[in-house]
Protein backbone atom coordinates (compact mmCIF):
# COMPACT_ATOMS: atom_id res chain seq x y z
CA UNK A 1 21.61 -11.98 -16.44
CA UNK A 2 24.21 -12.55 -13.74
CA UNK A 3 23.43 -12.15 -10.06
CA UNK A 4 26.70 -13.40 -8.57
CA UNK A 5 27.18 -10.47 -6.18
CA UNK A 6 23.53 -10.49 -5.13
CA UNK A 7 23.71 -14.22 -4.40
CA UNK A 8 26.84 -13.73 -2.31
CA UNK A 9 25.18 -10.91 -0.38
CA UNK A 10 22.14 -13.07 0.30
CA UNK A 11 24.34 -15.82 1.70
CA UNK A 12 25.97 -13.26 4.01
CA UNK A 13 22.57 -11.87 5.02
CA UNK A 14 21.13 -15.29 5.84
CA UNK A 15 23.75 -15.70 8.57
CA UNK A 16 22.57 -12.62 10.48
CA UNK A 17 19.04 -11.69 9.24
CA UNK A 18 16.05 -14.09 9.25
CA UNK A 19 15.89 -15.53 5.69
CA UNK A 20 18.31 -12.77 4.72
CA UNK A 21 15.62 -10.11 4.40
CA UNK A 22 13.99 -7.41 6.51
CA UNK A 23 10.54 -7.80 4.92
CA UNK A 24 9.34 -11.34 4.07
CA UNK A 25 8.22 -10.98 0.45
CA UNK A 26 11.72 -9.81 -0.51
CA UNK A 27 12.97 -13.37 0.05
CA UNK A 28 11.44 -14.47 -3.31
CA UNK A 29 10.22 -17.71 -1.71
CA UNK A 30 7.00 -17.67 -3.75
CA UNK A 31 8.69 -17.12 -7.11
CA UNK A 32 12.04 -18.88 -6.68
CA UNK A 33 15.44 -17.66 -7.73
CA UNK A 34 17.58 -15.04 -6.06
CA UNK A 35 16.53 -11.47 -5.28
CA UNK A 36 18.74 -8.80 -6.82
CA UNK A 37 20.29 -6.48 -4.25
CA UNK A 38 19.67 -2.91 -5.38
CA UNK A 39 22.46 -0.35 -5.16
CA UNK A 40 20.82 2.69 -6.76
CA UNK A 41 17.69 3.99 -8.46
CA UNK A 42 16.94 6.86 -10.79
CA UNK A 43 13.70 7.86 -12.46
CA UNK A 44 11.82 4.73 -13.55
CA UNK A 45 14.76 2.33 -13.13
CA UNK A 46 16.65 0.49 -10.43
CA UNK A 47 20.14 -1.01 -10.74
CA UNK A 48 21.48 -3.97 -8.79
CA UNK A 49 24.95 -4.66 -7.43
CA UNK A 50 25.75 -6.80 -10.50
CA UNK A 51 25.05 -3.90 -12.86
CA UNK A 52 21.64 -5.11 -14.11
CA UNK A 53 19.14 -2.29 -14.67
CA UNK A 54 15.37 -2.86 -14.51
CA UNK A 55 12.29 -0.82 -15.31
CA UNK A 56 10.69 -0.63 -11.87
CA UNK A 57 6.98 -1.16 -11.16
CA UNK A 58 7.39 -1.87 -7.43
CA UNK A 59 8.17 1.79 -6.67
CA UNK A 60 9.32 0.89 -3.15
CA UNK A 61 5.85 -0.69 -2.75
CA UNK A 62 4.09 2.51 -3.80
CA UNK A 63 5.76 5.68 -2.48
CA UNK A 64 7.85 6.59 -5.52
CA UNK A 65 5.04 8.17 -7.52
CA UNK A 66 7.42 10.80 -8.93
CA UNK A 67 10.06 8.19 -9.75
CA UNK A 68 13.29 7.54 -7.90
CA UNK A 69 15.67 10.33 -6.83
CA UNK A 70 13.47 13.12 -8.16
CA UNK A 71 15.79 16.14 -8.34
CA UNK A 72 13.49 18.45 -6.37
CA UNK A 73 13.09 15.90 -3.58
CA UNK A 74 16.82 15.21 -3.48
CA UNK A 75 17.66 18.92 -3.32
CA UNK A 76 15.10 19.53 -0.57
CA UNK A 77 16.56 16.63 1.44
CA UNK A 78 20.10 17.89 0.95
CA UNK A 79 19.13 21.24 2.41
CA UNK A 80 17.13 19.69 5.25
CA UNK A 81 19.96 17.37 6.27
CA UNK A 82 22.23 20.35 6.88
CA UNK A 83 19.73 21.63 9.44
CA UNK A 84 19.76 18.38 11.43
CA UNK A 85 18.04 15.03 11.08
CA UNK A 86 15.83 14.82 14.18
CA UNK A 87 14.88 17.24 16.94
CA UNK A 88 12.38 15.52 19.21
CA UNK A 89 10.54 18.84 19.30
CA UNK A 90 7.83 20.59 17.24
CA UNK A 91 8.92 21.90 13.84
CA UNK A 92 7.32 24.27 11.30
CA UNK A 93 7.42 21.47 8.73
CA UNK A 94 5.03 19.34 10.79
CA UNK A 95 2.48 22.13 10.67
CA UNK A 96 2.92 22.59 6.93
CA UNK A 97 2.51 18.85 6.34
CA UNK A 98 -0.66 18.73 8.45
CA UNK A 99 -2.08 21.70 6.55
CA UNK A 100 -1.31 20.09 3.18
CA UNK A 101 -2.96 16.81 4.17
CA UNK A 102 -6.07 18.40 5.64
CA UNK A 103 -6.48 20.72 2.64
CA UNK A 104 -6.34 17.74 0.30
CA UNK A 105 -8.47 15.22 2.22
CA UNK A 106 -11.82 16.79 3.23
CA UNK A 107 -12.75 14.07 5.76
CA UNK A 108 -9.73 14.89 7.93
CA UNK A 109 -10.12 17.78 10.37
CA UNK A 110 -7.06 16.90 12.41
CA UNK A 111 -4.05 14.67 11.70
CA UNK A 112 -1.17 13.22 13.67
CA UNK A 113 2.12 12.11 12.11
CA UNK A 114 3.70 8.75 12.91
CA UNK A 115 6.59 6.77 11.41
CA UNK A 116 4.95 3.97 9.42
CA UNK A 117 1.68 2.76 7.96
CA UNK A 118 1.55 0.01 10.57
CA UNK A 119 1.83 2.60 13.34
CA UNK A 120 -0.94 4.63 11.70
CA UNK A 121 -3.42 1.75 11.62
CA UNK A 122 -2.47 0.56 15.10
CA UNK A 123 -3.04 4.04 16.50
CA UNK A 124 -6.30 4.51 14.62
CA UNK A 125 -7.71 1.29 16.06
CA UNK A 126 -6.68 2.23 19.59
CA UNK A 127 -8.34 5.60 19.12
CA UNK A 128 -11.51 4.00 17.72
CA UNK A 129 -11.75 1.73 20.74
CA UNK A 130 -11.00 4.53 23.18
CA UNK A 131 -13.45 6.92 21.57
CA UNK A 132 -16.36 4.46 21.27
CA UNK A 133 -15.74 2.42 24.42
CA UNK A 134 -16.12 -0.73 22.34
CA UNK A 135 -13.57 -3.49 21.72
CA UNK A 136 -14.25 -5.29 18.45
CA UNK A 137 -12.98 -4.39 14.97
CA UNK A 138 -14.18 -5.63 11.60
CA UNK A 139 -11.57 -6.20 8.92
CA UNK A 140 -11.82 -7.91 5.54
CA UNK A 141 -10.25 -11.15 4.34
CA UNK A 142 -7.12 -10.40 2.36
CA UNK A 143 -6.84 -6.76 3.41
CA UNK A 144 -3.50 -6.01 5.06
CA UNK A 145 -3.12 -3.16 7.51
CA UNK A 146 0.44 -3.65 8.68
CA UNK A 147 1.77 -6.15 11.21
CA UNK A 148 -0.54 -5.06 14.03
CA UNK A 149 -1.25 -8.05 16.31
CA UNK A 150 -5.03 -7.84 16.17
CA UNK A 151 -5.05 -7.36 12.39
CA UNK A 152 -2.86 -10.31 11.42
CA UNK A 153 -5.95 -12.43 10.92
CA UNK A 154 -6.84 -13.36 7.34
CA UNK A 155 -4.33 -10.76 6.17
CA UNK A 156 -3.13 -10.41 2.62
CA UNK A 157 0.28 -9.56 1.18
CA UNK A 158 3.15 -11.62 2.59
CA UNK A 159 0.92 -13.82 4.73
CA UNK A 160 -1.21 -14.63 1.73
CA UNK A 161 1.81 -15.28 -0.46
CA UNK A 162 3.14 -17.95 1.88
CA UNK A 163 -0.24 -19.51 2.69
CA UNK A 164 -0.09 -18.49 6.38
CA UNK A 165 -2.61 -15.66 6.81
CA UNK A 166 -2.37 -15.83 10.61
CA UNK A 167 0.81 -15.19 12.61
CA UNK A 168 2.24 -17.04 15.56
CA UNK A 169 2.68 -14.76 18.55
CA UNK A 170 -0.74 -13.17 18.28
CA UNK A 171 -2.66 -13.88 21.53
CA UNK A 172 -5.93 -15.71 21.04
CA UNK A 173 -7.76 -13.06 23.05
CA UNK A 174 -6.67 -10.33 20.65
CA UNK A 175 -7.66 -12.37 17.62
CA UNK A 176 -11.14 -12.84 19.10
CA UNK A 177 -11.63 -9.08 19.04
CA UNK A 178 -11.13 -9.06 15.25
CA UNK A 179 -14.17 -9.98 13.16
CA UNK A 180 -13.67 -11.05 9.55
CA UNK A 181 -15.94 -10.01 6.68
CA UNK A 182 -15.66 -10.61 2.93
CA UNK A 183 -14.42 -7.75 0.78
CA UNK A 184 -17.13 -6.51 -1.58
CA UNK A 185 -19.81 -8.40 0.40
CA UNK A 186 -22.07 -6.15 2.49
CA UNK A 187 -24.18 -9.06 3.71
CA UNK A 188 -21.17 -10.46 5.59
CA UNK A 189 -20.82 -7.11 7.36
CA UNK A 190 -24.50 -6.97 8.25
CA UNK A 191 -24.25 -10.48 9.71
CA UNK A 192 -21.45 -9.43 12.06
CA UNK A 193 -23.35 -6.36 13.23
CA UNK A 194 -26.38 -8.55 13.90
CA UNK A 195 -24.21 -10.77 16.10
CA UNK A 196 -22.41 -7.92 17.89
CA UNK A 197 -24.69 -4.87 17.58
CA UNK A 198 -23.16 -2.88 20.48
CA UNK A 199 -19.57 -4.13 20.49
CA UNK A 200 -17.97 -3.02 17.22
CA UNK A 201 -15.74 0.04 17.55
CA UNK A 202 -14.65 0.31 13.94
CA UNK A 203 -14.62 -1.13 10.46
CA UNK A 204 -11.21 -0.84 8.77
CA UNK A 205 -10.93 -1.34 5.02
CA UNK A 206 -8.59 -0.68 2.14
CA UNK A 207 -11.02 1.22 -0.14
CA UNK A 208 -9.12 -0.30 -3.05
CA UNK A 209 -7.64 -3.58 -1.87
CA UNK A 210 -3.92 -3.60 -2.58
CA UNK A 211 -2.57 -6.59 -0.68
CA UNK A 212 -4.38 -9.55 -2.23
CA UNK A 213 -3.48 -8.18 -5.60
CA UNK A 214 -5.32 -5.01 -6.53
CA UNK A 215 -9.11 -5.33 -6.28
CA UNK A 216 -11.42 -2.33 -6.73
CA UNK A 217 -14.60 -2.01 -4.68
CA UNK A 218 -17.84 -3.08 -6.30
CA UNK A 219 -20.34 -0.33 -6.98
CA UNK A 220 -22.17 0.45 -3.75
CA UNK A 221 -19.80 -1.45 -1.45
CA UNK A 222 -18.09 1.54 0.17
CA UNK A 223 -21.35 3.48 0.25
CA UNK A 224 -22.93 0.52 2.03
CA UNK A 225 -20.16 0.42 4.62
CA UNK A 226 -20.70 4.11 5.31
CA UNK A 227 -24.42 3.61 5.84
CA UNK A 228 -24.05 0.51 8.05
CA UNK A 229 -21.40 2.06 10.31
CA UNK A 230 -23.38 5.27 10.78
CA UNK A 231 -26.46 3.28 11.65
CA UNK A 232 -24.57 1.41 14.39
CA UNK A 233 -22.49 4.28 15.75
CA UNK A 234 -19.31 2.57 14.54
CA UNK A 235 -16.29 4.37 13.06
CA UNK A 236 -15.44 3.78 9.42
CA UNK A 237 -11.66 3.75 8.97
CA UNK A 238 -10.12 3.97 5.52
CA UNK A 239 -6.65 2.52 5.25
CA UNK A 240 -5.28 4.70 2.45
CA UNK A 241 -1.63 3.94 3.11
CA UNK A 242 -1.40 2.73 -0.51
CA UNK A 243 -4.17 4.73 -2.19
CA UNK A 244 -3.63 8.06 -0.42
CA UNK A 245 -2.33 10.57 -3.01
CA UNK A 246 -1.82 7.62 -5.40
CA UNK A 247 -5.23 7.53 -7.11
CA UNK A 248 -5.77 11.27 -6.73
CA UNK A 249 -5.09 14.19 -4.41
CA UNK A 250 -8.15 13.27 -2.34
CA UNK A 251 -7.33 9.57 -2.30
CA UNK A 252 -9.79 6.76 -2.89
CA UNK A 253 -12.35 8.47 -0.65
CA UNK A 254 -12.41 11.41 -3.02
CA UNK A 255 -12.52 9.16 -6.06
CA UNK A 256 -15.57 7.31 -4.73
CA UNK A 257 -17.17 10.17 -2.79
CA UNK A 258 -17.07 8.60 0.69
CA UNK A 259 -16.65 10.46 3.99
CA UNK A 260 -14.89 8.11 6.46
CA UNK A 261 -14.49 8.93 10.14
CA UNK A 262 -10.76 8.26 10.14
CA UNK A 263 -8.06 7.82 7.51
CA UNK A 264 -4.63 6.20 7.67
CA UNK A 265 -1.87 7.41 5.36
CA UNK A 266 1.72 6.51 4.59
CA UNK A 267 4.08 5.82 1.69
CA UNK A 268 3.66 8.82 -0.67
CA UNK A 269 3.41 11.36 2.16
CA UNK A 270 7.00 10.45 3.06
CA UNK A 271 8.35 10.80 -0.47
CA UNK A 272 10.30 7.56 -0.01
CA UNK A 273 11.26 8.03 3.64
CA UNK A 274 9.59 6.19 6.55
CA UNK A 275 6.38 7.97 7.51
CA UNK A 276 2.74 7.52 8.39
CA UNK A 277 -0.22 9.57 9.56
CA UNK A 278 -3.74 9.07 10.84
CA UNK A 279 -6.49 11.61 11.18
CA UNK A 280 -10.18 12.24 11.05
CA UNK A 281 -13.04 14.15 12.58
CA UNK A 282 -12.05 16.71 15.22
CA UNK A 283 -14.15 15.23 18.03
CA UNK A 284 -12.52 11.82 17.52
CA UNK A 285 -8.99 13.16 17.29
CA UNK A 286 -9.49 15.22 20.47
CA UNK A 287 -9.56 11.93 22.39
CA UNK A 288 -5.80 11.62 21.79
CA UNK A 289 -3.32 12.50 24.53
CA UNK A 290 -2.57 15.07 25.78
CA UNK A 291 -6.13 16.34 25.15
CA UNK A 292 -7.81 13.02 25.83
CA UNK A 293 -7.30 9.59 27.41
CA UNK A 294 -5.97 7.66 24.37
CA UNK A 295 -2.18 7.57 24.49
CA UNK A 296 0.01 7.64 21.38
CA UNK A 297 3.55 8.92 20.91
CA UNK A 298 6.68 8.44 18.81
CA UNK A 299 10.20 9.88 18.93
CA UNK A 300 10.52 10.23 15.14
CA UNK A 301 6.95 11.31 14.45
CA UNK A 302 7.08 14.32 12.15
CA UNK A 303 10.76 13.68 11.44
CA UNK A 304 12.08 16.71 9.50
CA UNK A 305 13.67 14.66 6.71
CA UNK A 306 10.59 12.51 6.09
CA UNK A 307 8.31 15.53 6.21
CA UNK A 308 10.58 17.45 3.82
CA UNK A 309 10.51 14.64 1.25
CA UNK A 310 6.77 14.21 1.67
CA UNK A 311 5.94 17.90 1.43
CA UNK A 312 8.02 18.28 -1.72
CA UNK A 313 6.28 15.28 -3.25
CA UNK A 314 2.78 16.47 -2.37
CA UNK A 315 3.44 19.93 -3.80
CA UNK A 316 4.61 18.43 -7.09
CA UNK A 317 1.50 16.25 -7.19
CA UNK A 318 -0.66 19.37 -6.88
CA UNK A 319 0.73 20.78 -10.12
CA UNK A 320 -1.58 20.89 -13.12
CA UNK A 321 -1.92 17.74 -15.18
CA UNK A 322 -0.03 15.35 -12.91
CA UNK A 323 -2.83 12.89 -12.28
CA UNK A 324 -3.96 13.09 -15.89
CA UNK A 325 -0.45 11.97 -16.88
CA UNK A 326 -0.55 9.10 -14.40
CA UNK A 327 -3.97 8.01 -15.67
CA UNK A 328 -2.76 8.10 -19.27
CA UNK A 329 0.38 6.09 -18.50
CA UNK A 330 -1.55 3.56 -16.40
CA UNK A 331 -4.21 3.07 -19.06
CA UNK A 332 -1.63 2.65 -21.84
CA UNK A 333 0.36 0.05 -19.89
CA UNK A 334 -2.72 -1.79 -18.64
CA UNK A 335 -4.26 -2.12 -22.09
CA UNK A 336 -1.01 -3.17 -23.75
CA UNK A 337 -0.10 -5.78 -21.14
CA UNK A 338 -3.60 -7.28 -21.08
CA UNK A 339 -3.60 -7.59 -24.88
CA UNK A 340 -0.15 -9.20 -24.84
CA UNK A 341 -1.27 -11.93 -22.43
CA UNK A 342 -4.54 -12.58 -24.23
CA UNK A 343 -2.86 -12.69 -27.64
CA UNK A 344 -0.71 -15.50 -26.23
CA UNK A 345 -3.83 -17.38 -25.09
CA UNK A 346 -3.32 -16.70 -21.38
CA UNK A 347 -6.46 -16.06 -19.35
CA UNK A 348 -6.14 -13.07 -17.06
CA UNK A 349 -8.25 -10.73 -14.98
CA UNK A 350 -6.76 -7.28 -15.57
CA UNK A 351 -7.39 -4.67 -12.87
CA UNK A 352 -6.37 -1.02 -12.86
CA UNK A 353 -7.28 2.14 -10.99
CA UNK A 354 -5.22 5.14 -12.11
CA UNK A 355 -1.55 4.25 -11.74
CA UNK A 356 -2.24 1.06 -9.73
CA UNK A 357 -2.53 -2.22 -11.61
CA UNK A 358 -2.59 -6.01 -11.20
CA UNK A 359 -3.11 -9.04 -13.46
CA UNK A 360 -4.52 -12.28 -12.03
CA UNK A 361 -3.92 -15.50 -13.96
CA UNK A 362 -7.39 -16.99 -13.74
CA UNK A 363 -10.66 -17.34 -15.66
CA UNK A 364 -12.59 -16.36 -12.53
CA UNK A 365 -13.56 -12.71 -11.99
CA UNK A 366 -11.57 -11.55 -8.96
CA UNK A 367 -13.61 -9.62 -6.39
CA UNK A 368 -12.38 -10.87 -3.00
CA UNK A 369 -9.89 -13.03 -1.12
CA UNK A 370 -11.24 -16.40 -2.28
CA UNK A 371 -11.39 -15.48 -5.95
CA UNK A 372 -7.91 -13.89 -5.75
CA UNK A 373 -6.60 -17.24 -4.53
CA UNK A 374 -7.87 -18.86 -7.75
CA UNK A 375 -4.99 -17.20 -9.60
CA UNK A 376 -2.33 -19.58 -10.95
CA UNK A 377 0.65 -18.69 -8.75
CA UNK A 378 2.94 -21.17 -10.53
CA UNK A 379 2.25 -19.37 -13.81
CA UNK A 380 2.84 -16.04 -12.10
CA UNK A 381 6.23 -17.26 -10.85
CA UNK A 382 7.25 -18.19 -14.41
CA UNK A 383 6.08 -14.82 -15.71
CA UNK A 384 7.94 -13.02 -12.92
CA UNK A 385 11.20 -14.83 -13.70
CA UNK A 386 10.83 -14.22 -17.42
CA UNK A 387 10.17 -10.51 -16.95
CA UNK A 388 13.11 -10.13 -14.58
CA UNK A 389 15.35 -11.65 -17.25
CA UNK A 390 13.95 -9.06 -19.68
CA UNK A 391 14.79 -6.21 -17.30
CA UNK A 392 11.27 -5.65 -15.93
CA UNK A 393 10.94 -5.53 -12.15
CA UNK A 394 7.51 -6.35 -10.70
CA UNK A 395 6.62 -7.42 -7.17
CA UNK A 396 7.70 -11.02 -6.42
CA UNK A 397 4.17 -12.03 -5.43
CA UNK A 398 0.90 -12.47 -7.26
CA UNK A 399 -0.80 -10.78 -4.34
CA UNK A 400 0.79 -7.35 -4.62
CA UNK A 401 0.02 -4.25 -6.66
CA UNK A 402 2.07 -2.69 -9.46
CA UNK A 403 2.67 1.05 -9.71
CA UNK A 404 3.36 3.44 -12.58
CA UNK A 405 5.25 6.64 -11.82
CA UNK A 406 5.54 10.02 -13.50
CA UNK A 407 9.07 9.02 -14.50
CA UNK A 408 7.94 6.15 -16.75
CA UNK A 409 8.27 7.20 -20.39
CA UNK A 410 6.31 5.84 -23.33
CA UNK A 411 9.51 4.04 -24.28
CA UNK A 412 9.59 2.35 -20.87
CA UNK A 413 5.97 1.33 -21.22
CA UNK A 414 6.43 0.03 -24.76
CA UNK A 415 9.49 -1.96 -23.73
CA UNK A 416 7.50 -3.46 -20.88
CA UNK A 417 4.60 -4.44 -23.13
CA UNK A 418 6.98 -6.09 -25.60
CA UNK A 419 8.72 -7.95 -22.75
CA UNK A 420 5.35 -9.26 -21.55
CA UNK A 421 4.51 -10.32 -25.11
CA UNK A 422 7.81 -12.18 -25.45
CA UNK A 423 7.52 -13.92 -22.08
CA UNK A 424 3.85 -14.83 -22.59
CA UNK A 425 4.52 -16.40 -25.98
CA UNK A 426 7.26 -18.54 -24.45
CA UNK A 427 5.11 -20.02 -21.68
């Protein structure tokens, strides 16, 4: 596999962009080698500037649940572009999007559109603090909620990949307002509430962790969070930027039967364009300006192109049998890949929820940040490189999630399983 043009582009990029990339994990520092520069994508595949085509399981880090360049999304965008790309004024599409989201997610009475998942979580935390009059937030080790200053403490994803879970530039005072609990450990949450019984505005959690690898919640964990937060008058915030509309129309909260106070969304609701949203109970959302004292605004919020792509995507996802197809594809791939590794004598912890999946290279059951770190990242890097050579594109970090789309065919899945088998046997 030749990457001559990609390598040349990276050298150009390094002269004008930090490390040559606009999102850290794309630099491939944890896996080595050179990132392919992608020129186009269609269905379940992406093609780089050197002409190499890969079966894609990154899916733009989750949004491309229909596959790339879905014809209905492309056609809707073509029509929308002719009507203008941004108005800075209310549009009918914003109302339609809000109605679709609220109809699908029962915990959300009201919703406000923003332009990214980071903006959604940042705004939700500000609203939680403004609504409760409290200052502290509980987050969980390894859970990533975007590059919000106060949440870049024991974060997952890129920070975890490079061994620097905290970020320079975050004021110490802000970090002190963030309390850290262990994912899947209710006793750690109870301990923090015992220390700060009247100071915690909200608990924010990925209901299915997706940024320290993919880790499902233990039975009773989310239910316990709901009970503890209600008891203390604290808001429970679900960060469903990854899981929203990915694991089902009602998200992870519907899958597990939890009623959070607020929910953050992104990725899929933009159909591949930049978008985010946060919403929740009406009395909480009424604290937002201009109705209430908590200010939030954004020029491109509800952008007509992003909303068009998102609406088209959501309406396709509502069609009969879609999530059953995603479950079937995810189960088939997960089982085949796990068997391929184990047949080669490689110890793994194989996790899957619907069309989300992750394999950790460790003997230790992975339930939280510390056990995720037991995974053999050197082995992962060798697997990653081998799969890339075989035309399989997975995230260049052990601590990310893989995604199956509706566009993946059985042939794609079989080819992937055989590639894993070949690579695993050669390790």
